[in-house]
Amino acid sequence: MTDIAERPVAGAWPRLFQAVRRLRVPQDRPWVGWVLPALILVAWQAASSFGWITDAVLPSPNAVAQAAWRLTLSSELPQNLGVSALRALAGLVVGGGIGLALGLLNGLSRLTFSATDTSVQMIRNVPHLALIPLVIVWFGIDEGAKLFIVALGVFFPIYVNTLHGVRASIRSSSRWRAAMAFAAGRCFGA
């Protein structure tokens, strides 16, 4: 028997990689994706029950479920969820609308792209948490500040994806025109 240090290590990795690649989840077992979250919840509850994690650090899942039920019965949780959902929807409308408009404008016009994209990209790289003190100074701690943070979080993904989508569609517009001409010829017998 050879010592473990003398065995070739490099040969084990390709075999392990191949074994992992062969693992497949059958289509008739969609519950497999729930196994890891369930195990995490069970371990969390066990750690809380044995006192390894105190409630001051991380309340147990049972305590969280009891508090959620109590707040639901008092209608405090549904009311707060409704306010948060409206705030998220308003942020989506404001940030998404501005991001969509600016993305379309910058995607279609080289002039506006040159004038605004550099500034937008600089602002995009500033972490949102770093802007919170400025937002508090500008808007206070009312709904305006919360709406601004949500709108800012929504703005950048929509702006970037709209800009790249418009640019990609312009690049492939000659193919698009050819496909439309072909489809028109087939439909109308031209």
C-alpha atoms as a PDB file:
ATOM      1  CA  MET A   1       0.000   0.000   0.000  1.00  0.00           C
ATOM      2  CA  THR A   2       1.356   3.370  -0.961  1.00  0.00           C
ATOM      3  CA  ASP A   3       1.334   6.445   1.156  1.00  0.00           C
ATOM      4  CA  ILE A   4      -1.387   8.977   0.283  1.00  0.00           C
ATOM      5  CA  ALA A   5       1.284  11.594  -0.407  1.00  0.00           C
ATOM      6  CA  GLU A   6       2.783   9.356  -3.106  1.00  0.00           C
ATOM      7  CA  ARG A   7      -0.496   8.900  -5.025  1.00  0.00           C
ATOM      8  CA  PRO A   8      -1.008  11.076  -8.098  1.00  0.00           C
ATOM      9  CA  VAL A   9      -3.373  13.860  -7.130  1.00  0.00           C
ATOM     10  CA  ALA A  10      -3.918  15.173 -10.659  1.00  0.00           C
ATOM     11  CA  GLY A  11      -5.614  11.951 -11.713  1.00  0.00           C
ATOM     12  CA  ALA A  12      -8.334  12.284  -9.086  1.00  0.00           C
ATOM     13  CA  TRP A  13      -9.671  15.644 -10.254  1.00  0.00           C
ATOM     14  CA  PRO A  14     -10.688  14.611 -13.790  1.00  0.00           C
ATOM     15  CA  ARG A  15     -12.482  11.543 -12.426  1.00  0.00           C
ATOM     16  CA  LEU A  16     -14.283  13.629  -9.807  1.00  0.00           C
ATOM     17  CA  PHE A  17     -15.219  16.200 -12.442  1.00  0.00           C
ATOM     18  CA  GLN A  18     -16.604  13.483 -14.723  1.00  0.00           C
ATOM     19  CA  ALA A  19     -18.593  11.956 -11.865  1.00  0.00           C
ATOM     20  CA  VAL A  20     -20.166  15.315 -11.007  1.00  0.00           C
ATOM     21  CA  ARG A  21     -20.997  15.936 -14.669  1.00  0.00           C
ATOM     22  CA  ARG A  22     -22.805  12.593 -14.864  1.00  0.00           C
ATOM     23  CA  LEU A  23     -25.139  13.567 -12.024  1.00  0.00           C
ATOM     24  CA  ARG A  24     -28.516  14.416 -13.468  1.00  0.00           C
ATOM     25  CA  VAL A  25     -31.767  15.433 -11.822  1.00  0.00           C
ATOM     26  CA  PRO A  26     -34.651  13.508 -13.371  1.00  0.00           C
ATOM     27  CA  GLN A  27     -37.440  15.644 -14.787  1.00  0.00           C
ATOM     28  CA  ASP A  28     -40.031  13.973 -12.550  1.00  0.00           C
ATOM     29  CA  ARG A  29     -38.248  15.145  -9.351  1.00  0.00           C
ATOM     30  CA  PRO A  30     -38.566  18.940  -9.139  1.00  0.00           C
ATOM     31  CA  TRP A  31     -38.384  18.735  -5.344  1.00  0.00           C
ATOM     32  CA  VAL A  32     -34.622  18.152  -5.472  1.00  0.00           C
ATOM     33  CA  GLY A  33     -34.023  21.911  -5.589  1.00  0.00           C
ATOM     34  CA  TRP A  34     -35.737  22.250  -2.202  1.00  0.00           C
ATOM     35  CA  VAL A  35     -33.431  19.810  -0.404  1.00  0.00           C
ATOM     36  CA  LEU A  36     -30.629  22.291   0.367  1.00  0.00           C
ATOM     37  CA  PRO A  37     -32.906  25.077   1.702  1.00  0.00           C
ATOM     38  CA  ALA A  38     -34.741  22.507   3.843  1.00  0.00           C
ATOM     39  CA  LEU A  39     -31.447  21.210   5.246  1.00  0.00           C
ATOM     40  CA  ILE A  40     -30.341  24.762   6.033  1.00  0.00           C
ATOM     41  CA  LEU A  41     -33.615  25.413   7.899  1.00  0.00           C
ATOM     42  CA  VAL A  42     -33.293  22.165   9.857  1.00  0.00           C
ATOM     43  CA  ALA A  43     -29.671  22.937  10.787  1.00  0.00           C
ATOM     44  CA  TRP A  44     -30.621  26.497  11.758  1.00  0.00           C
ATOM     45  CA  GLN A  45     -33.477  25.274  13.984  1.00  0.00           C
ATOM     46  CA  ALA A  46     -31.259  22.614  15.547  1.00  0.00           C
ATOM     47  CA  ALA A  47     -28.482  25.123  16.259  1.00  0.00           C
ATOM     48  CA  SER A  48     -31.021  27.468  17.870  1.00  0.00           C
ATOM     49  CA  SER A  49     -32.621  24.661  19.907  1.00  0.00           C
ATOM     50  CA  PHE A  50     -29.273  23.457  21.266  1.00  0.00           C
ATOM     51  CA  GLY A  51     -28.328  27.031  22.182  1.00  0.00           C
ATOM     52  CA  TRP A  52     -25.438  27.280  19.740  1.00  0.00           C
ATOM     53  CA  ILE A  53     -27.076  30.375  18.238  1.00  0.00           C
ATOM     54  CA  THR A  54     -28.795  32.769  20.632  1.00  0.00           C
ATOM     55  CA  ASP A  55     -32.036  34.524  19.724  1.00  0.00           C
ATOM     56  CA  ALA A  56     -30.260  37.878  20.037  1.00  0.00           C
ATOM     57  CA  VAL A  57     -27.923  36.899  17.191  1.00  0.00           C
ATOM     58  CA  LEU A  58     -30.321  34.974  14.955  1.00  0.00           C
ATOM     59  CA  PRO A  59     -33.859  33.997  16.007  1.00  0.00           C
ATOM     60  CA  SER A  60     -34.876  30.427  15.247  1.00  0.00           C
ATOM     61  CA  PRO A  61     -37.107  29.674  12.245  1.00  0.00           C
ATOM     62  CA  ASN A  62     -39.841  28.711  14.697  1.00  0.00           C
ATOM     63  CA  ALA A  63     -39.636  32.130  16.406  1.00  0.00           C
ATOM     64  CA  VAL A  64     -39.674  33.867  13.028  1.00  0.00           C
ATOM     65  CA  ALA A  65     -42.764  31.898  11.939  1.00  0.00           C
ATOM     66  CA  GLN A  66     -44.546  32.681  15.232  1.00  0.00           C
ATOM     67  CA  ALA A  67     -43.779  36.402  14.905  1.00  0.00           C
ATOM     68  CA  ALA A  68     -44.955  36.383  11.270  1.00  0.00           C
ATOM     69  CA  TRP A  69     -48.219  34.688  12.285  1.00  0.00           C
ATOM     70  CA  ARG A  70     -48.775  37.125  15.168  1.00  0.00           C
ATOM     71  CA  LEU A  71     -48.133  40.149  12.915  1.00  0.00           C
ATOM     72  CA  THR A  72     -50.405  38.717  10.217  1.00  0.00           C
ATOM     73  CA  LEU A  73     -53.269  38.268  12.682  1.00  0.00           C
ATOM     74  CA  SER A  74     -52.852  41.854  13.872  1.00  0.00           C
ATOM     75  CA  SER A  75     -52.864  42.948  10.175  1.00  0.00           C
ATOM     76  CA  GLU A  76     -49.591  44.797  10.719  1.00  0.00           C
ATOM     77  CA  LEU A  77     -47.592  42.552   8.369  1.00  0.00           C
ATOM     78  CA  PRO A  78     -50.021  42.741   5.402  1.00  0.00           C
ATOM     79  CA  GLN A  79     -50.253  46.524   5.782  1.00  0.00           C
ATOM     80  CA  ASN A  80     -46.458  46.931   5.820  1.00  0.00           C
ATOM     81  CA  LEU A  81     -46.069  44.510   2.896  1.00  0.00           C
ATOM     82  CA  GLY A  82     -48.571  46.591   0.927  1.00  0.00           C
ATOM     83  CA  VAL A  83     -46.667  49.813   1.624  1.00  0.00           C
ATOM     84  CA  SER A  84     -43.386  48.166   0.606  1.00  0.00           C
ATOM     85  CA  ALA A  85     -44.930  46.752  -2.563  1.00  0.00           C
ATOM     86  CA  LEU A  86     -46.268  50.180  -3.548  1.00  0.00           C
ATOM     87  CA  ARG A  87     -42.865  51.749  -2.861  1.00  0.00           C
ATOM     88  CA  ALA A  88     -41.179  49.096  -5.022  1.00  0.00           C
ATOM     89  CA  LEU A  89     -43.733  49.585  -7.798  1.00  0.00           C
ATOM     90  CA  ALA A  90     -43.295  53.365  -7.721  1.00  0.00           C
ATOM     91  CA  GLY A  91     -39.506  52.949  -7.834  1.00  0.00           C
ATOM     92  CA  LEU A  92     -39.877  50.553 -10.759  1.00  0.00           C
ATOM     93  CA  VAL A  93     -42.062  52.997 -12.670  1.00  0.00           C
ATOM     94  CA  VAL A  94     -39.808  56.008 -12.021  1.00  0.00           C
ATOM     95  CA  GLY A  95     -36.403  54.338 -12.354  1.00  0.00           C
ATOM     96  CA  GLY A  96     -37.527  52.014 -15.119  1.00  0.00           C
ATOM     97  CA  GLY A  97     -39.130  54.799 -17.105  1.00  0.00           C
ATOM     98  CA  ILE A  98     -36.056  57.018 -16.905  1.00  0.00           C
ATOM     99  CA  GLY A  99     -33.730  54.072 -17.619  1.00  0.00           C
ATOM    100  CA  LEU A 100     -35.799  52.977 -20.608  1.00  0.00           C
ATOM    101  CA  ALA A 101     -36.015  56.495 -22.046  1.00  0.00           C
ATOM    102  CA  LEU A 102     -32.317  57.252 -21.582  1.00  0.00           C
ATOM    103  CA  GLY A 103     -31.318  53.796 -22.859  1.00  0.00           C
ATOM    104  CA  LEU A 104     -33.395  54.279 -25.999  1.00  0.00           C
ATOM    105  CA  LEU A 105     -32.090  57.801 -26.494  1.00  0.00           C
ATOM    106  CA  ASN A 106     -28.444  56.814 -26.025  1.00  0.00           C
ATOM    107  CA  GLY A 107     -28.856  53.694 -28.117  1.00  0.00           C
ATOM    108  CA  LEU A 108     -30.297  55.623 -31.043  1.00  0.00           C
ATOM    109  CA  SER A 109     -28.191  58.797 -30.886  1.00  0.00           C
ATOM    110  CA  ARG A 110     -24.406  58.938 -30.814  1.00  0.00           C
ATOM    111  CA  LEU A 111     -24.553  62.558 -29.639  1.00  0.00           C
ATOM    112  CA  THR A 112     -26.569  61.833 -26.480  1.00  0.00           C
ATOM    113  CA  PHE A 113     -24.512  58.686 -25.877  1.00  0.00           C
ATOM    114  CA  SER A 114     -21.298  60.725 -25.996  1.00  0.00           C
ATOM    115  CA  ALA A 115     -22.777  63.438 -23.769  1.00  0.00           C
ATOM    116  CA  THR A 116     -24.364  61.302 -21.034  1.00  0.00           C
ATOM    117  CA  ASP A 117     -23.065  57.726 -20.963  1.00  0.00           C
ATOM    118  CA  THR A 118     -19.740  58.492 -19.274  1.00  0.00           C
ATOM    119  CA  SER A 119     -21.484  60.312 -16.424  1.00  0.00           C
ATOM    120  CA  VAL A 120     -24.091  57.579 -16.047  1.00  0.00           C
ATOM    121  CA  GLN A 121     -21.387  54.900 -15.912  1.00  0.00           C
ATOM    122  CA  MET A 122     -19.468  56.866 -13.266  1.00  0.00           C
ATOM    123  CA  ILE A 123     -22.576  57.144 -11.102  1.00  0.00           C
ATOM    124  CA  ARG A 124     -23.335  53.444 -11.671  1.00  0.00           C
ATOM    125  CA  ASN A 125     -20.021  52.479 -10.084  1.00  0.00           C
ATOM    126  CA  VAL A 126     -20.792  54.297  -6.824  1.00  0.00           C
ATOM    127  CA  PRO A 127     -22.234  51.809  -4.292  1.00  0.00           C
ATOM    128  CA  HIS A 128     -25.804  52.627  -3.310  1.00  0.00           C
ATOM    129  CA  LEU A 129     -24.955  52.363   0.378  1.00  0.00           C
ATOM    130  CA  ALA A 130     -22.351  55.101  -0.069  1.00  0.00           C
ATOM    131  CA  LEU A 131     -25.071  57.410  -1.418  1.00  0.00           C
ATOM    132  CA  ILE A 132     -27.370  57.014   1.594  1.00  0.00           C
ATOM    133  CA  PRO A 133     -25.868  59.930   3.602  1.00  0.00           C
ATOM    134  CA  LEU A 134     -26.268  62.223   0.576  1.00  0.00           C
ATOM    135  CA  VAL A 135     -29.806  60.972  -0.033  1.00  0.00           C
ATOM    136  CA  ILE A 136     -30.702  61.719   3.596  1.00  0.00           C
ATOM    137  CA  VAL A 137     -29.324  65.249   3.219  1.00  0.00           C
ATOM    138  CA  TRP A 138     -31.150  65.778  -0.099  1.00  0.00           C
ATOM    139  CA  PHE A 139     -34.501  64.119   0.675  1.00  0.00           C
ATOM    140  CA  GLY A 140     -34.596  63.559   4.440  1.00  0.00           C
ATOM    141  CA  ILE A 141     -35.853  60.193   5.669  1.00  0.00           C
ATOM    142  CA  ASP A 142     -39.326  60.399   4.125  1.00  0.00           C
ATOM    143  CA  GLU A 143     -40.722  58.414   1.220  1.00  0.00           C
ATOM    144  CA  GLY A 144     -38.779  60.527  -1.277  1.00  0.00           C
ATOM    145  CA  ALA A 145     -35.467  59.101  -0.081  1.00  0.00           C
ATOM    146  CA  LYS A 146     -36.756  55.533  -0.199  1.00  0.00           C
ATOM    147  CA  LEU A 147     -38.228  56.068  -3.660  1.00  0.00           C
ATOM    148  CA  PHE A 148     -34.924  57.535  -4.876  1.00  0.00           C
ATOM    149  CA  ILE A 149     -32.891  54.536  -3.645  1.00  0.00           C
ATOM    150  CA  VAL A 150     -35.322  52.044  -5.231  1.00  0.00           C
ATOM    151  CA  ALA A 151     -35.466  54.010  -8.484  1.00  0.00           C
ATOM    152  CA  LEU A 152     -31.674  54.202  -8.580  1.00  0.00           C
ATOM    153  CA  GLY A 153     -31.439  50.438  -8.101  1.00  0.00           C
ATOM    154  CA  VAL A 154     -33.889  49.863 -10.953  1.00  0.00           C
ATOM    155  CA  PHE A 155     -32.501  52.517 -13.294  1.00  0.00           C
ATOM    156  CA  PHE A 156     -29.076  51.058 -14.069  1.00  0.00           C
ATOM    157  CA  PRO A 157     -30.030  47.493 -15.113  1.00  0.00           C
ATOM    158  CA  ILE A 158     -32.829  48.789 -17.330  1.00  0.00           C
ATOM    159  CA  TYR A 159     -30.625  51.511 -18.818  1.00  0.00           C
ATOM    160  CA  VAL A 160     -27.734  49.151 -19.600  1.00  0.00           C
ATOM    161  CA  ASN A 161     -29.925  46.401 -21.049  1.00  0.00           C
ATOM    162  CA  THR A 162     -31.971  48.836 -23.145  1.00  0.00           C
ATOM    163  CA  LEU A 163     -28.819  50.512 -24.454  1.00  0.00           C
ATOM    164  CA  HIS A 164     -27.218  47.203 -25.429  1.00  0.00           C
ATOM    165  CA  GLY A 165     -30.469  45.872 -26.867  1.00  0.00           C
ATOM    166  CA  VAL A 166     -30.944  48.905 -29.101  1.00  0.00           C
ATOM    167  CA  ARG A 167     -27.300  48.821 -30.179  1.00  0.00           C
ATOM    168  CA  ALA A 168     -27.524  45.097 -30.998  1.00  0.00           C
ATOM    169  CA  SER A 169     -30.747  45.540 -32.942  1.00  0.00           C
ATOM    170  CA  ILE A 170     -29.255  48.406 -34.951  1.00  0.00           C
ATOM    171  CA  ARG A 171     -26.244  46.237 -35.826  1.00  0.00           C
ATOM    172  CA  SER A 172     -28.510  43.468 -37.022  1.00  0.00           C
ATOM    173  CA  SER A 173     -31.017  45.781 -38.726  1.00  0.00           C
ATOM    174  CA  SER A 174     -29.789  44.850 -42.181  1.00  0.00           C
ATOM    175  CA  ARG A 175     -30.557  41.201 -41.395  1.00  0.00           C
ATOM    176  CA  TRP A 176     -33.907  42.265 -39.959  1.00  0.00           C
ATOM    177  CA  ARG A 177     -34.800  44.206 -43.085  1.00  0.00           C
ATOM    178  CA  ALA A 178     -33.847  41.241 -45.238  1.00  0.00           C
ATOM    179  CA  ALA A 179     -35.988  38.909 -43.115  1.00  0.00           C
ATOM    180  CA  MET A 180     -38.979  41.279 -43.308  1.00  0.00           C
ATOM    181  CA  ALA A 181     -38.611  41.564 -47.074  1.00  0.00           C
ATOM    182  CA  PHE A 182     -38.508  37.781 -47.327  1.00  0.00           C
ATOM    183  CA  ALA A 183     -41.554  37.405 -45.063  1.00  0.00           C
ATOM    184  CA  ALA A 184     -43.466  40.083 -47.013  1.00  0.00           C
ATOM    185  CA  GLY A 185     -42.643  38.286 -50.253  1.00  0.00           C
ATOM    186  CA  ARG A 186     -43.904  34.985 -48.891  1.00  0.00           C
ATOM    187  CA  CYS A 187     -47.073  36.462 -47.396  1.00  0.00           C
ATOM    188  CA  PHE A 188     -48.075  38.663 -50.290  1.00  0.00           C
ATOM    189  CA  GLY A 189     -46.737  36.520 -53.133  1.00  0.00           C
ATOM    190  CA  ALA A 190     -44.340  39.165 -54.407  1.00  0.00           C
END
